[in-house]
Amino acid sequence: MTGKTVGIVGFGAIGRQVARRIKAFDTSILVYDPYVDPETIRGTGAGVRNLDDLMSESDFVTLHVPTAPDAIGLISCERIALMKTTAYLINTASTFVIDMEAITQALKEKRIAGAGFDVYETWPVRADSPLLELDNVVLTPHIGGATQETIIRYSQMIADDVRRFLSGESPKNLVNPQVWGRDVQ
């Protein structure tokens, strides 16, 4: 990756950790995130770009945006067309961020070099998914961040929340804490 340009779309906790790690490979880092102060981004040594420029200048584009209404379809057919033919797209965010029909077609026609997906429209990925037929795609089963340590930590978190629940306490990692304690009929 030395000498390559990596475009990071979404500079929250994960996007920042990705930047920190790839910096060690002597890469140029570009960031698009309209919700993060540009000075904060520049303070990490990354360049700030609008999304179209990031797509056209990057050798690797990695997506780390939440599935929010303004992120749905963010990587459109037009933006995919801006990518270099030697570029790679990596999506660990959500399939709803990308026009999947357009990226599949671009990959089939080799208009970009390749892609990596850790998220899919359905779980598991459909057996008839055209992505499974492509030789320039890497698919992982939503375990891109799984390490021995994270598996142990998640298991401990689950066990702790089960213990809390069984003792009548609110679990720490509730997705919907507003319903805790409600009588369900």
C-alpha atoms as a PDB file:
ATOM      1  CA  MET A   1       0.000   0.000   0.000  1.00  0.00           C
ATOM      2  CA  THR A   2       3.039   2.276   0.236  1.00  0.00           C
ATOM      3  CA  GLY A   3       2.525   5.344  -1.885  1.00  0.00           C
ATOM      4  CA  LYS A   4      -1.176   4.661  -2.436  1.00  0.00           C
ATOM      5  CA  THR A   5      -4.056   6.960  -1.573  1.00  0.00           C
ATOM      6  CA  VAL A   6      -6.742   5.647   0.752  1.00  0.00           C
ATOM      7  CA  GLY A   7     -10.088   7.435   0.864  1.00  0.00           C
ATOM      8  CA  ILE A   8     -12.042   7.020   4.083  1.00  0.00           C
ATOM      9  CA  VAL A   9     -15.760   7.775   3.894  1.00  0.00           C
ATOM     10  CA  GLY A  10     -16.956   8.343   7.455  1.00  0.00           C
ATOM     11  CA  PHE A  11     -14.523   9.503  10.127  1.00  0.00           C
ATOM     12  CA  GLY A  12     -16.193   8.311  13.305  1.00  0.00           C
ATOM     13  CA  ALA A  13     -14.547   5.887  15.729  1.00  0.00           C
ATOM     14  CA  ILE A  14     -13.947   3.158  13.140  1.00  0.00           C
ATOM     15  CA  GLY A  15     -12.865   5.487  10.338  1.00  0.00           C
ATOM     16  CA  ARG A  16     -10.316   7.088  12.673  1.00  0.00           C
ATOM     17  CA  GLN A  17      -8.948   3.709  13.733  1.00  0.00           C
ATOM     18  CA  VAL A  18      -8.604   2.695  10.081  1.00  0.00           C
ATOM     19  CA  ALA A  19      -6.693   5.917   9.387  1.00  0.00           C
ATOM     20  CA  ARG A  20      -4.394   5.286  12.325  1.00  0.00           C
ATOM     21  CA  ARG A  21      -3.568   1.802  11.128  1.00  0.00           C
ATOM     22  CA  ILE A  22      -3.057   2.524   7.434  1.00  0.00           C
ATOM     23  CA  LYS A  23      -0.869   5.518   8.181  1.00  0.00           C
ATOM     24  CA  ALA A  24       1.844   2.986   9.118  1.00  0.00           C
ATOM     25  CA  PHE A  25       1.919   1.834   5.479  1.00  0.00           C
ATOM     26  CA  ASP A  26       3.100   5.275   4.293  1.00  0.00           C
ATOM     27  CA  THR A  27      -0.148   6.044   2.500  1.00  0.00           C
ATOM     28  CA  SER A  28      -1.851   9.310   1.691  1.00  0.00           C
ATOM     29  CA  ILE A  29      -5.171   9.495   3.496  1.00  0.00           C
ATOM     30  CA  LEU A  30      -8.199  11.438   2.279  1.00  0.00           C
ATOM     31  CA  VAL A  31     -11.389  11.795   4.318  1.00  0.00           C
ATOM     32  CA  TYR A  32     -14.968  12.678   3.553  1.00  0.00           C
ATOM     33  CA  ASP A  33     -17.227  13.250   6.533  1.00  0.00           C
ATOM     34  CA  PRO A  34     -19.524  16.295   6.532  1.00  0.00           C
ATOM     35  CA  TYR A  35     -20.156  15.869  10.275  1.00  0.00           C
ATOM     36  CA  VAL A  36     -16.537  16.080  11.438  1.00  0.00           C
ATOM     37  CA  ASP A  37     -14.720  19.400  11.700  1.00  0.00           C
ATOM     38  CA  PRO A  38     -12.178  19.625   8.863  1.00  0.00           C
ATOM     39  CA  GLU A  39      -9.500  20.788  11.325  1.00  0.00           C
ATOM     40  CA  THR A  40     -10.006  17.601  13.342  1.00  0.00           C
ATOM     41  CA  ILE A  41      -9.433  15.583  10.176  1.00  0.00           C
ATOM     42  CA  ARG A  42      -6.369  17.605   9.172  1.00  0.00           C
ATOM     43  CA  GLY A  43      -5.013  17.183  12.698  1.00  0.00           C
ATOM     44  CA  THR A  44      -4.646  13.455  11.992  1.00  0.00           C
ATOM     45  CA  GLY A  45      -2.531  14.145   8.922  1.00  0.00           C
ATOM     46  CA  ALA A  46      -5.373  13.315   6.524  1.00  0.00           C
ATOM     47  CA  GLY A  47      -6.630  15.511   3.709  1.00  0.00           C
ATOM     48  CA  VAL A  48     -10.227  16.684   3.552  1.00  0.00           C
ATOM     49  CA  ARG A  49     -12.101  16.100   0.309  1.00  0.00           C
ATOM     50  CA  ASN A  50     -15.620  16.283  -1.006  1.00  0.00           C
ATOM     51  CA  LEU A  51     -16.945  12.835  -1.855  1.00  0.00           C
ATOM     52  CA  ASP A  52     -16.558  13.085  -5.628  1.00  0.00           C
ATOM     53  CA  ASP A  53     -12.912  14.129  -5.373  1.00  0.00           C
ATOM     54  CA  LEU A  54     -12.199  11.397  -2.824  1.00  0.00           C
ATOM     55  CA  MET A  55     -13.725   8.788  -5.154  1.00  0.00           C
ATOM     56  CA  SER A  56     -11.647   9.928  -8.134  1.00  0.00           C
ATOM     57  CA  GLU A  57      -8.323  10.398  -6.303  1.00  0.00           C
ATOM     58  CA  SER A  58      -8.267   7.237  -4.157  1.00  0.00           C
ATOM     59  CA  ASP A  59      -6.652   3.893  -4.895  1.00  0.00           C
ATOM     60  CA  PHE A  60      -8.719   2.355  -2.083  1.00  0.00           C
ATOM     61  CA  VAL A  61     -12.076   3.648  -0.848  1.00  0.00           C
ATOM     62  CA  THR A  62     -13.242   2.298   2.491  1.00  0.00           C
ATOM     63  CA  LEU A  63     -16.733   2.972   3.839  1.00  0.00           C
ATOM     64  CA  HIS A  64     -17.478   3.563   7.524  1.00  0.00           C
ATOM     65  CA  VAL A  65     -20.743   5.503   7.628  1.00  0.00           C
ATOM     66  CA  PRO A  66     -23.840   4.675   9.677  1.00  0.00           C
ATOM     67  CA  THR A  67     -27.008   3.605   7.898  1.00  0.00           C
ATOM     68  CA  ALA A  68     -28.668   6.989   8.163  1.00  0.00           C
ATOM     69  CA  PRO A  69     -31.154   8.403   5.647  1.00  0.00           C
ATOM     70  CA  ASP A  70     -28.534  10.720   4.119  1.00  0.00           C
ATOM     71  CA  ALA A  71     -26.095   7.804   3.665  1.00  0.00           C
ATOM     72  CA  ILE A  72     -28.473   5.553   1.733  1.00  0.00           C
ATOM     73  CA  GLY A  73     -27.286   5.414  -1.877  1.00  0.00           C
ATOM     74  CA  LEU A  74     -24.291   7.644  -1.090  1.00  0.00           C
ATOM     75  CA  ILE A  75     -22.040   5.579  -3.358  1.00  0.00           C
ATOM     76  CA  SER A  76     -24.132   5.939  -6.492  1.00  0.00           C
ATOM     77  CA  CYS A  77     -23.572   4.768 -10.046  1.00  0.00           C
ATOM     78  CA  GLU A  78     -22.162   8.206 -10.863  1.00  0.00           C
ATOM     79  CA  ARG A  79     -19.696   8.080  -7.963  1.00  0.00           C
ATOM     80  CA  ILE A  80     -18.596   4.552  -8.809  1.00  0.00           C
ATOM     81  CA  ALA A  81     -17.881   5.796 -12.345  1.00  0.00           C
ATOM     82  CA  LEU A  82     -15.461   8.364 -10.857  1.00  0.00           C
ATOM     83  CA  MET A  83     -13.212   5.639  -9.460  1.00  0.00           C
ATOM     84  CA  LYS A  84      -9.909   4.708 -11.080  1.00  0.00           C
ATOM     85  CA  THR A  85      -9.889   1.427 -13.012  1.00  0.00           C
ATOM     86  CA  THR A  86      -7.137   0.323 -10.610  1.00  0.00           C
ATOM     87  CA  ALA A  87      -9.119   1.211  -7.471  1.00  0.00           C
ATOM     88  CA  TYR A  88     -10.710  -1.013  -4.840  1.00  0.00           C
ATOM     89  CA  LEU A  89     -13.870  -0.387  -2.817  1.00  0.00           C
ATOM     90  CA  ILE A  90     -14.173  -1.832   0.691  1.00  0.00           C
ATOM     91  CA  ASN A  91     -17.534  -1.828   2.427  1.00  0.00           C
ATOM     92  CA  THR A  92     -17.871  -2.677   6.102  1.00  0.00           C
ATOM     93  CA  ALA A  93     -20.666  -0.143   6.653  1.00  0.00           C
ATOM     94  CA  SER A  94     -23.947  -1.207   5.033  1.00  0.00           C
ATOM     95  CA  THR A  95     -25.115  -2.407   1.640  1.00  0.00           C
ATOM     96  CA  PHE A  96     -27.640   0.411   1.630  1.00  0.00           C
ATOM     97  CA  VAL A  97     -24.799   2.917   1.259  1.00  0.00           C
ATOM     98  CA  ILE A  98     -23.890   1.549  -2.188  1.00  0.00           C
ATOM     99  CA  ASP A  99     -25.867   1.153  -5.392  1.00  0.00           C
ATOM    100  CA  MET A 100     -25.298  -2.621  -5.427  1.00  0.00           C
ATOM    101  CA  GLU A 101     -26.470  -3.065  -8.994  1.00  0.00           C
ATOM    102  CA  ALA A 102     -24.012  -0.406 -10.187  1.00  0.00           C
ATOM    103  CA  ILE A 103     -21.038  -1.758  -8.200  1.00  0.00           C
ATOM    104  CA  THR A 104     -21.751  -5.311  -9.369  1.00  0.00           C
ATOM    105  CA  GLN A 105     -21.830  -4.127 -12.985  1.00  0.00           C
ATOM    106  CA  ALA A 106     -18.622  -2.104 -12.551  1.00  0.00           C
ATOM    107  CA  LEU A 107     -16.913  -5.176 -11.084  1.00  0.00           C
ATOM    108  CA  LYS A 108     -18.178  -7.458 -13.873  1.00  0.00           C
ATOM    109  CA  GLU A 109     -16.932  -5.034 -16.512  1.00  0.00           C
ATOM    110  CA  LYS A 110     -13.628  -4.492 -14.617  1.00  0.00           C
ATOM    111  CA  ARG A 111     -14.240  -0.739 -14.493  1.00  0.00           C
ATOM    112  CA  ILE A 112     -12.671  -0.928 -11.031  1.00  0.00           C
ATOM    113  CA  ALA A 113     -10.044  -3.430  -9.925  1.00  0.00           C
ATOM    114  CA  GLY A 114     -12.010  -5.036  -7.133  1.00  0.00           C
ATOM    115  CA  ALA A 115     -14.025  -4.840  -3.961  1.00  0.00           C
ATOM    116  CA  GLY A 116     -14.303  -6.302  -0.494  1.00  0.00           C
ATOM    117  CA  PHE A 117     -17.627  -6.697   1.284  1.00  0.00           C
ATOM    118  CA  ASP A 118     -18.227  -7.563   4.924  1.00  0.00           C
ATOM    119  CA  VAL A 119     -21.946  -6.652   4.783  1.00  0.00           C
ATOM    120  CA  TYR A 120     -24.777  -7.845   2.547  1.00  0.00           C
ATOM    121  CA  GLU A 121     -28.412  -7.203   1.759  1.00  0.00           C
ATOM    122  CA  THR A 122     -29.343 -10.537   3.364  1.00  0.00           C
ATOM    123  CA  TRP A 123     -27.650 -12.787   5.915  1.00  0.00           C
ATOM    124  CA  PRO A 124     -26.138 -15.014   4.848  1.00  0.00           C
ATOM    125  CA  VAL A 125     -25.344 -13.680   1.396  1.00  0.00           C
ATOM    126  CA  ARG A 126     -27.856 -15.110  -1.074  1.00  0.00           C
ATOM    127  CA  ALA A 127     -26.632 -18.218  -2.899  1.00  0.00           C
ATOM    128  CA  ASP A 128     -27.616 -16.581  -6.201  1.00  0.00           C
ATOM    129  CA  SER A 129     -25.751 -13.320  -5.481  1.00  0.00           C
ATOM    130  CA  PRO A 130     -23.766 -12.229  -8.542  1.00  0.00           C
ATOM    131  CA  LEU A 131     -20.938 -11.212  -6.179  1.00  0.00           C
ATOM    132  CA  LEU A 132     -20.199 -14.903  -5.599  1.00  0.00           C
ATOM    133  CA  GLU A 133     -19.351 -15.341  -9.282  1.00  0.00           C
ATOM    134  CA  LEU A 134     -16.790 -12.540  -9.488  1.00  0.00           C
ATOM    135  CA  ASP A 135     -13.053 -13.156  -9.249  1.00  0.00           C
ATOM    136  CA  ASN A 136     -12.303  -9.578  -8.192  1.00  0.00           C
ATOM    137  CA  VAL A 137     -14.411  -9.614  -5.015  1.00  0.00           C
ATOM    138  CA  VAL A 138     -13.536 -10.745  -1.495  1.00  0.00           C
ATOM    139  CA  LEU A 139     -16.481 -11.592   0.756  1.00  0.00           C
ATOM    140  CA  THR A 140     -16.249 -12.017   4.519  1.00  0.00           C
ATOM    141  CA  PRO A 141     -19.161 -13.027   6.793  1.00  0.00           C
ATOM    142  CA  HIS A 142     -19.368  -9.763   8.786  1.00  0.00           C
ATOM    143  CA  ILE A 143     -16.339 -10.685  10.851  1.00  0.00           C
ATOM    144  CA  GLY A 144     -13.970  -8.038   9.536  1.00  0.00           C
ATOM    145  CA  GLY A 145     -13.257  -6.844  13.056  1.00  0.00           C
ATOM    146  CA  ALA A 146     -13.248 -10.244  14.750  1.00  0.00           C
ATOM    147  CA  THR A 147     -10.097 -11.104  16.631  1.00  0.00           C
ATOM    148  CA  GLN A 148      -9.484 -13.508  19.484  1.00  0.00           C
ATOM    149  CA  GLU A 149      -9.681 -10.549  21.874  1.00  0.00           C
ATOM    150  CA  THR A 150     -12.949  -9.155  20.494  1.00  0.00           C
ATOM    151  CA  ILE A 151     -14.606 -12.572  20.615  1.00  0.00           C
ATOM    152  CA  ILE A 152     -13.605 -12.932  24.285  1.00  0.00           C
ATOM    153  CA  ARG A 153     -14.696  -9.364  25.090  1.00  0.00           C
ATOM    154  CA  TYR A 154     -18.096  -9.774  23.362  1.00  0.00           C
ATOM    155  CA  SER A 155     -18.658 -13.093  25.124  1.00  0.00           C
ATOM    156  CA  GLN A 156     -17.881 -11.481  28.482  1.00  0.00           C
ATOM    157  CA  MET A 157     -20.234  -8.593  27.718  1.00  0.00           C
ATOM    158  CA  ILE A 158     -23.046 -11.005  26.846  1.00  0.00           C
ATOM    159  CA  ALA A 159     -22.482 -13.114  29.969  1.00  0.00           C
ATOM    160  CA  ASP A 160     -22.420  -9.987  32.144  1.00  0.00           C
ATOM    161  CA  ASP A 161     -25.677  -8.722  30.639  1.00  0.00           C
ATOM    162  CA  VAL A 162     -27.358 -12.104  31.098  1.00  0.00           C
ATOM    163  CA  ARG A 163     -26.263 -12.090  34.769  1.00  0.00           C
ATOM    164  CA  ARG A 164     -27.585  -8.543  35.183  1.00  0.00           C
ATOM    165  CA  PHE A 165     -30.899  -9.463  33.547  1.00  0.00           C
ATOM    166  CA  LEU A 166     -31.358 -12.565  35.703  1.00  0.00           C
ATOM    167  CA  SER A 167     -30.739 -10.519  38.848  1.00  0.00           C
ATOM    168  CA  GLY A 168     -33.333  -7.931  37.799  1.00  0.00           C
ATOM    169  CA  GLU A 169     -30.833  -5.286  36.728  1.00  0.00           C
ATOM    170  CA  SER A 170     -30.891  -3.484  33.415  1.00  0.00           C
ATOM    171  CA  PRO A 171     -28.367  -4.929  30.939  1.00  0.00           C
ATOM    172  CA  LYS A 172     -25.547  -2.498  30.104  1.00  0.00           C
ATOM    173  CA  ASN A 173     -25.738  -3.061  26.356  1.00  0.00           C
ATOM    174  CA  LEU A 174     -29.443  -2.665  25.661  1.00  0.00           C
ATOM    175  CA  VAL A 175     -30.231  -1.587  22.122  1.00  0.00           C
ATOM    176  CA  ASN A 176     -33.576  -0.150  23.232  1.00  0.00           C
ATOM    177  CA  PRO A 177     -33.193   0.992  26.873  1.00  0.00           C
ATOM    178  CA  GLN A 178     -36.431   2.980  26.683  1.00  0.00           C
ATOM    179  CA  VAL A 179     -38.419  -0.261  26.966  1.00  0.00           C
ATOM    180  CA  TRP A 180     -36.610  -1.630  30.034  1.00  0.00           C
ATOM    181  CA  GLY A 181     -39.045  -2.043  32.905  1.00  0.00           C
ATOM    182  CA  ARG A 182     -42.193  -1.783  30.786  1.00  0.00           C
ATOM    183  CA  ASP A 183     -44.929  -4.292  31.421  1.00  0.00           C
ATOM    184  CA  VAL A 184     -45.335  -6.352  28.273  1.00  0.00           C
ATOM    185  CA  GLN A 185     -48.758  -7.946  27.959  1.00  0.00           C
END
